[in-house]
Amino acid sequence: MPKLKTNRAAAKRFTKTGTGKLKRNKAYKRHILTKKTTKKKRDLRKATMMDKTNEKVMKKILPYL
């Protein structure tokens, strides 16, 4: 069986937690920030967990994470 290749784009965006879940950063924090409230921008700073529906696919493209 050959080695599996890690999707490098995904590897840079996700980290694995101690329990095996995937942690990701939130979107919508790059530009057009003037119309977003301070509370919304502050909430976007925090990392969050990957959604259950995508987790199976993500673990397939990140075999060694």
PDB file of N, CA and C in Angstrom:
ATOM      1  N   MET A   1       0.853  -1.189   0.000  1.00  0.00           N
ATOM      2  CA  MET A   1       0.000   0.000   0.000  1.00  0.00           C
ATOM      3  C   MET A   1       0.900   1.254   0.000  1.00  0.00           C
ATOM      4  N   PRO A   2       0.698   2.154  -0.968  1.00  0.00           N
ATOM      5  CA  PRO A   2       1.528   3.367  -1.004  1.00  0.00           C
ATOM      6  C   PRO A   2       1.151   4.348   0.099  1.00  0.00           C
ATOM      7  N   LYS A   3       2.072   5.252   0.347  1.00  0.00           N
ATOM      8  CA  LYS A   3       1.789   6.303   1.334  1.00  0.00           C
ATOM      9  C   LYS A   3       0.705   7.226   0.811  1.00  0.00           C
ATOM     10  N   LEU A   4      -0.090   7.758   1.704  1.00  0.00           N
ATOM     11  CA  LEU A   4      -1.134   8.718   1.324  1.00  0.00           C
ATOM     12  C   LEU A   4      -0.568  10.116   1.346  1.00  0.00           C
ATOM     13  N   LYS A   5      -1.012  10.937   0.415  1.00  0.00           N
ATOM     14  CA  LYS A   5      -0.560  12.328   0.380  1.00  0.00           C
ATOM     15  C   LYS A   5      -1.512  13.193   1.185  1.00  0.00           C
ATOM     16  N   THR A   6      -0.946  14.087   1.990  1.00  0.00           N
ATOM     17  CA  THR A   6      -1.724  15.056   2.747  1.00  0.00           C
ATOM     18  C   THR A   6      -2.048  16.229   1.842  1.00  0.00           C
ATOM     19  N   ASN A   7      -3.276  16.701   1.905  1.00  0.00           N
ATOM     20  CA  ASN A   7      -3.642  17.916   1.190  1.00  0.00           C
ATOM     21  C   ASN A   7      -3.015  19.091   1.944  1.00  0.00           C
ATOM     22  N   ARG A   8      -1.998  19.721   1.349  1.00  0.00           N
ATOM     23  CA  ARG A   8      -1.218  20.744   2.035  1.00  0.00           C
ATOM     24  C   ARG A   8      -2.035  21.997   2.339  1.00  0.00           C
ATOM     25  N   ALA A   9      -2.967  22.342   1.473  1.00  0.00           N
ATOM     26  CA  ALA A   9      -3.811  23.516   1.712  1.00  0.00           C
ATOM     27  C   ALA A   9      -4.649  23.312   2.975  1.00  0.00           C
ATOM     28  N   ALA A  10      -5.185  22.116   3.137  1.00  0.00           N
ATOM     29  CA  ALA A  10      -5.998  21.803   4.312  1.00  0.00           C
ATOM     30  C   ALA A  10      -5.134  21.704   5.568  1.00  0.00           C
ATOM     31  N   ALA A  11      -3.920  21.178   5.425  1.00  0.00           N
ATOM     32  CA  ALA A  11      -3.027  21.012   6.571  1.00  0.00           C
ATOM     33  C   ALA A  11      -2.652  22.354   7.192  1.00  0.00           C
ATOM     34  N   LYS A  12      -2.602  23.400   6.372  1.00  0.00           N
ATOM     35  CA  LYS A  12      -2.263  24.729   6.873  1.00  0.00           C
ATOM     36  C   LYS A  12      -3.441  25.399   7.576  1.00  0.00           C
ATOM     37  N   ARG A  13      -4.639  24.909   7.328  1.00  0.00           N
ATOM     38  CA  ARG A  13      -5.842  25.554   7.862  1.00  0.00           C
ATOM     39  C   ARG A  13      -6.440  24.876   9.084  1.00  0.00           C
ATOM     40  N   PHE A  14      -6.120  23.613   9.297  1.00  0.00           N
ATOM     41  CA  PHE A  14      -6.732  22.857  10.382  1.00  0.00           C
ATOM     42  C   PHE A  14      -5.682  22.270  11.311  1.00  0.00           C
ATOM     43  N   THR A  15      -6.022  22.198  12.595  1.00  0.00           N
ATOM     44  CA  THR A  15      -5.165  21.531  13.571  1.00  0.00           C
ATOM     45  C   THR A  15      -6.015  20.521  14.333  1.00  0.00           C
ATOM     46  N   LYS A  16      -5.374  19.486  14.795  1.00  0.00           N
ATOM     47  CA  LYS A  16      -6.073  18.439  15.519  1.00  0.00           C
ATOM     48  C   LYS A  16      -5.996  18.708  17.016  1.00  0.00           C
ATOM     49  N   THR A  17      -7.092  18.513  17.723  1.00  0.00           N
ATOM     50  CA  THR A  17      -7.109  18.695  19.167  1.00  0.00           C
ATOM     51  C   THR A  17      -6.726  17.378  19.838  1.00  0.00           C
ATOM     52  N   GLY A  18      -6.589  17.411  21.125  1.00  0.00           N
ATOM     53  CA  GLY A  18      -6.225  16.214  21.875  1.00  0.00           C
ATOM     54  C   GLY A  18      -7.252  15.111  21.779  1.00  0.00           C
ATOM     55  N   THR A  19      -8.522  15.473  21.604  1.00  0.00           N
ATOM     56  CA  THR A  19      -9.586  14.470  21.509  1.00  0.00           C
ATOM     57  C   THR A  19      -9.803  13.988  20.083  1.00  0.00           C
ATOM     58  N   GLY A  20      -9.042  14.542  19.125  1.00  0.00           N
ATOM     59  CA  GLY A  20      -9.147  14.086  17.740  1.00  0.00           C
ATOM     60  C   GLY A  20     -10.042  14.930  16.858  1.00  0.00           C
ATOM     61  N   LYS A  21     -10.626  15.984  17.420  1.00  0.00           N
ATOM     62  CA  LYS A  21     -11.470  16.867  16.614  1.00  0.00           C
ATOM     63  C   LYS A  21     -10.582  17.832  15.829  1.00  0.00           C
ATOM     64  N   LEU A  22     -11.164  18.447  14.804  1.00  0.00           N
ATOM     65  CA  LEU A  22     -10.423  19.399  13.987  1.00  0.00           C
ATOM     66  C   LEU A  22     -10.810  20.821  14.360  1.00  0.00           C
ATOM     67  N   LYS A  23      -9.803  21.651  14.549  1.00  0.00           N
ATOM     68  CA  LYS A  23     -10.010  23.048  14.920  1.00  0.00           C
ATOM     69  C   LYS A  23      -9.719  23.926  13.713  1.00  0.00           C
ATOM     70  N   ARG A  24     -10.546  24.952  13.504  1.00  0.00           N
ATOM     71  CA  ARG A  24     -10.368  25.849  12.366  1.00  0.00           C
ATOM     72  C   ARG A  24     -10.592  27.291  12.787  1.00  0.00           C
ATOM     73  N   ASN A  25     -10.087  28.217  11.969  1.00  0.00           N
ATOM     74  CA  ASN A  25     -10.342  29.633  12.185  1.00  0.00           C
ATOM     75  C   ASN A  25     -11.606  30.034  11.441  1.00  0.00           C
ATOM     76  N   LYS A  26     -12.238  31.098  11.882  1.00  0.00           N
ATOM     77  CA  LYS A  26     -13.470  31.561  11.259  1.00  0.00           C
ATOM     78  C   LYS A  26     -13.171  32.429  10.042  1.00  0.00           C
ATOM     79  N   ALA A  27     -14.126  32.458   9.125  1.00  0.00           N
ATOM     80  CA  ALA A  27     -14.000  33.253   7.905  1.00  0.00           C
ATOM     81  C   ALA A  27     -14.556  34.665   8.138  1.00  0.00           C
ATOM     82  N   TYR A  28     -14.482  35.515   7.106  1.00  0.00           N
ATOM     83  CA  TYR A  28     -15.043  36.877   7.081  1.00  0.00           C
ATOM     84  C   TYR A  28     -14.289  37.864   7.960  1.00  0.00           C
ATOM     85  N   LYS A  29     -12.996  37.696   8.125  1.00  0.00           N
ATOM     86  CA  LYS A  29     -12.214  38.613   8.952  1.00  0.00           C
ATOM     87  C   LYS A  29     -11.096  39.280   8.131  1.00  0.00           C
ATOM     88  N   ARG A  30     -11.111  39.172   6.803  1.00  0.00           N
ATOM     89  CA  ARG A  30     -10.021  39.662   5.964  1.00  0.00           C
ATOM     90  C   ARG A  30     -10.188  41.113   5.520  1.00  0.00           C
ATOM     91  N   HIS A  31     -11.359  41.476   5.041  1.00  0.00           N
ATOM     92  CA  HIS A  31     -11.561  42.833   4.528  1.00  0.00           C
ATOM     93  C   HIS A  31     -13.023  43.228   4.707  1.00  0.00           C
ATOM     94  N   ILE A  32     -13.358  44.461   4.356  1.00  0.00           N
ATOM     95  CA  ILE A  32     -14.696  45.047   4.569  1.00  0.00           C
ATOM     96  C   ILE A  32     -15.079  44.917   6.042  1.00  0.00           C
ATOM     97  N   LEU A  33     -14.189  45.382   6.906  1.00  0.00           N
ATOM     98  CA  LEU A  33     -14.410  45.250   8.349  1.00  0.00           C
ATOM     99  C   LEU A  33     -15.127  46.464   8.933  1.00  0.00           C
ATOM    100  N   THR A  34     -15.245  47.541   8.159  1.00  0.00           N
ATOM    101  CA  THR A  34     -15.835  48.766   8.701  1.00  0.00           C
ATOM    102  C   THR A  34     -17.313  48.596   9.009  1.00  0.00           C
ATOM    103  N   LYS A  35     -18.019  47.812   8.213  1.00  0.00           N
ATOM    104  CA  LYS A  35     -19.454  47.632   8.445  1.00  0.00           C
ATOM    105  C   LYS A  35     -19.770  46.547   9.474  1.00  0.00           C
ATOM    106  N   LYS A  36     -18.769  45.786   9.890  1.00  0.00           N
ATOM    107  CA  LYS A  36     -18.983  44.747  10.895  1.00  0.00           C
ATOM    108  C   LYS A  36     -18.821  45.355  12.285  1.00  0.00           C
ATOM    109  N   THR A  37     -19.648  44.900  13.204  1.00  0.00           N
ATOM    110  CA  THR A  37     -19.605  45.434  14.561  1.00  0.00           C
ATOM    111  C   THR A  37     -18.359  44.927  15.286  1.00  0.00           C
ATOM    112  N   THR A  38     -17.983  45.641  16.318  1.00  0.00           N
ATOM    113  CA  THR A  38     -16.822  45.251  17.126  1.00  0.00           C
ATOM    114  C   THR A  38     -17.048  43.882  17.758  1.00  0.00           C
ATOM    115  N   LYS A  39     -18.282  43.640  18.188  1.00  0.00           N
ATOM    116  CA  LYS A  39     -18.612  42.355  18.801  1.00  0.00           C
ATOM    117  C   LYS A  39     -18.432  41.214  17.798  1.00  0.00           C
ATOM    118  N   LYS A  40     -18.876  41.433  16.565  1.00  0.00           N
ATOM    119  CA  LYS A  40     -18.763  40.417  15.519  1.00  0.00           C
ATOM    120  C   LYS A  40     -17.295  40.133  15.194  1.00  0.00           C
ATOM    121  N   LYS A  41     -16.493  41.186  15.075  1.00  0.00           N
ATOM    122  CA  LYS A  41     -15.067  41.027  14.772  1.00  0.00           C
ATOM    123  C   LYS A  41     -14.334  40.309  15.905  1.00  0.00           C
ATOM    124  N   ARG A  42     -14.716  40.619  17.139  1.00  0.00           N
ATOM    125  CA  ARG A  42     -14.114  39.976  18.302  1.00  0.00           C
ATOM    126  C   ARG A  42     -14.459  38.485  18.312  1.00  0.00           C
ATOM    127  N   ASP A  43     -15.687  38.141  17.939  1.00  0.00           N
ATOM    128  CA  ASP A  43     -16.121  36.746  17.892  1.00  0.00           C
ATOM    129  C   ASP A  43     -15.401  35.973  16.785  1.00  0.00           C
ATOM    130  N   LEU A  44     -15.065  36.660  15.703  1.00  0.00           N
ATOM    131  CA  LEU A  44     -14.375  36.007  14.581  1.00  0.00           C
ATOM    132  C   LEU A  44     -12.931  35.662  14.902  1.00  0.00           C
ATOM    133  N   ARG A  45     -12.360  36.261  15.929  1.00  0.00           N
ATOM    134  CA  ARG A  45     -10.980  35.955  16.338  1.00  0.00           C
ATOM    135  C   ARG A  45     -10.844  34.545  16.881  1.00  0.00           C
ATOM    136  N   LYS A  46     -11.885  34.086  17.564  1.00  0.00           N
ATOM    137  CA  LYS A  46     -11.820  32.799  18.256  1.00  0.00           C
ATOM    138  C   LYS A  46     -11.887  31.635  17.266  1.00  0.00           C
ATOM    139  N   ALA A  47     -11.113  30.627  17.516  1.00  0.00           N
ATOM    140  CA  ALA A  47     -11.160  29.412  16.693  1.00  0.00           C
ATOM    141  C   ALA A  47     -12.396  28.601  17.082  1.00  0.00           C
ATOM    142  N   THR A  48     -12.808  27.722  16.191  1.00  0.00           N
ATOM    143  CA  THR A  48     -13.979  26.889  16.445  1.00  0.00           C
ATOM    144  C   THR A  48     -13.719  25.482  15.925  1.00  0.00           C
ATOM    145  N   MET A  49     -14.598  24.562  16.242  1.00  0.00           N
ATOM    146  CA  MET A  49     -14.432  23.175  15.810  1.00  0.00           C
ATOM    147  C   MET A  49     -15.033  22.964  14.422  1.00  0.00           C
ATOM    148  N   MET A  50     -14.474  22.009  13.713  1.00  0.00           N
ATOM    149  CA  MET A  50     -14.971  21.640  12.393  1.00  0.00           C
ATOM    150  C   MET A  50     -16.348  21.014  12.541  1.00  0.00           C
ATOM    151  N   ASP A  51     -17.239  21.271  11.591  1.00  0.00           N
ATOM    152  CA  ASP A  51     -18.589  20.720  11.629  1.00  0.00           C
ATOM    153  C   ASP A  51     -18.547  19.202  11.429  1.00  0.00           C
ATOM    154  N   LYS A  52     -19.420  18.482  12.096  1.00  0.00           N
ATOM    155  CA  LYS A  52     -19.465  17.022  12.027  1.00  0.00           C
ATOM    156  C   LYS A  52     -19.653  16.516  10.597  1.00  0.00           C
ATOM    157  N   THR A  53     -20.439  17.243   9.785  1.00  0.00           N
ATOM    158  CA  THR A  53     -20.740  16.795   8.425  1.00  0.00           C
ATOM    159  C   THR A  53     -19.497  16.768   7.538  1.00  0.00           C
ATOM    160  N   ASN A  54     -18.512  17.631   7.809  1.00  0.00           N
ATOM    161  CA  ASN A  54     -17.292  17.691   7.000  1.00  0.00           C
ATOM    162  C   ASN A  54     -16.140  16.901   7.597  1.00  0.00           C
ATOM    163  N   GLU A  55     -16.269  16.488   8.830  1.00  0.00           N
ATOM    164  CA  GLU A  55     -15.133  15.898   9.547  1.00  0.00           C
ATOM    165  C   GLU A  55     -14.622  14.607   8.905  1.00  0.00           C
ATOM    166  N   LYS A  56     -15.518  13.773   8.404  1.00  0.00           N
ATOM    167  CA  LYS A  56     -15.119  12.507   7.793  1.00  0.00           C
ATOM    168  C   LYS A  56     -14.261  12.746   6.546  1.00  0.00           C
ATOM    169  N   VAL A  57     -14.665  13.689   5.704  1.00  0.00           N
ATOM    170  CA  VAL A  57     -13.930  14.023   4.484  1.00  0.00           C
ATOM    171  C   VAL A  57     -12.582  14.641   4.831  1.00  0.00           C
ATOM    172  N   MET A  58     -12.557  15.528   5.831  1.00  0.00           N
ATOM    173  CA  MET A  58     -11.327  16.214   6.206  1.00  0.00           C
ATOM    174  C   MET A  58     -10.300  15.236   6.761  1.00  0.00           C
ATOM    175  N   LYS A  59     -10.730  14.255   7.512  1.00  0.00           N
ATOM    176  CA  LYS A  59      -9.797  13.272   8.062  1.00  0.00           C
ATOM    177  C   LYS A  59      -9.215  12.386   6.958  1.00  0.00           C
ATOM    178  N   LYS A  60      -9.944  12.257   5.849  1.00  0.00           N
ATOM    179  CA  LYS A  60      -9.444  11.482   4.715  1.00  0.00           C
ATOM    180  C   LYS A  60      -8.333  12.231   3.975  1.00  0.00           C
ATOM    181  N   ILE A  61      -8.488  13.557   3.829  1.00  0.00           N
ATOM    182  CA  ILE A  61      -7.454  14.331   3.117  1.00  0.00           C
ATOM    183  C   ILE A  61      -6.324  14.773   4.039  1.00  0.00           C
ATOM    184  N   LEU A  62      -6.488  14.526   5.335  1.00  0.00           N
ATOM    185  CA  LEU A  62      -5.429  14.808   6.322  1.00  0.00           C
ATOM    186  C   LEU A  62      -5.092  13.521   7.080  1.00  0.00           C
ATOM    187  N   PRO A  63      -4.537  12.528   6.414  1.00  0.00           N
ATOM    188  CA  PRO A  63      -4.345  11.226   7.058  1.00  0.00           C
ATOM    189  C   PRO A  63      -3.362  11.216   8.216  1.00  0.00           C
ATOM    190  N   TYR A  64      -2.366  12.106   8.197  1.00  0.00           N
ATOM    191  CA  TYR A  64      -1.329  12.058   9.229  1.00  0.00           C
ATOM    192  C   TYR A  64      -1.406  13.209  10.215  1.00  0.00           C
ATOM    193  N   LEU A  65      -2.491  13.950  10.203  1.00  0.00           N
ATOM    194  CA  LEU A  65      -2.630  15.095  11.107  1.00  0.00           C
ATOM    195  C   LEU A  65      -2.932  14.627  12.505  1.00  0.00           C
TER     196      LEU A  65
END
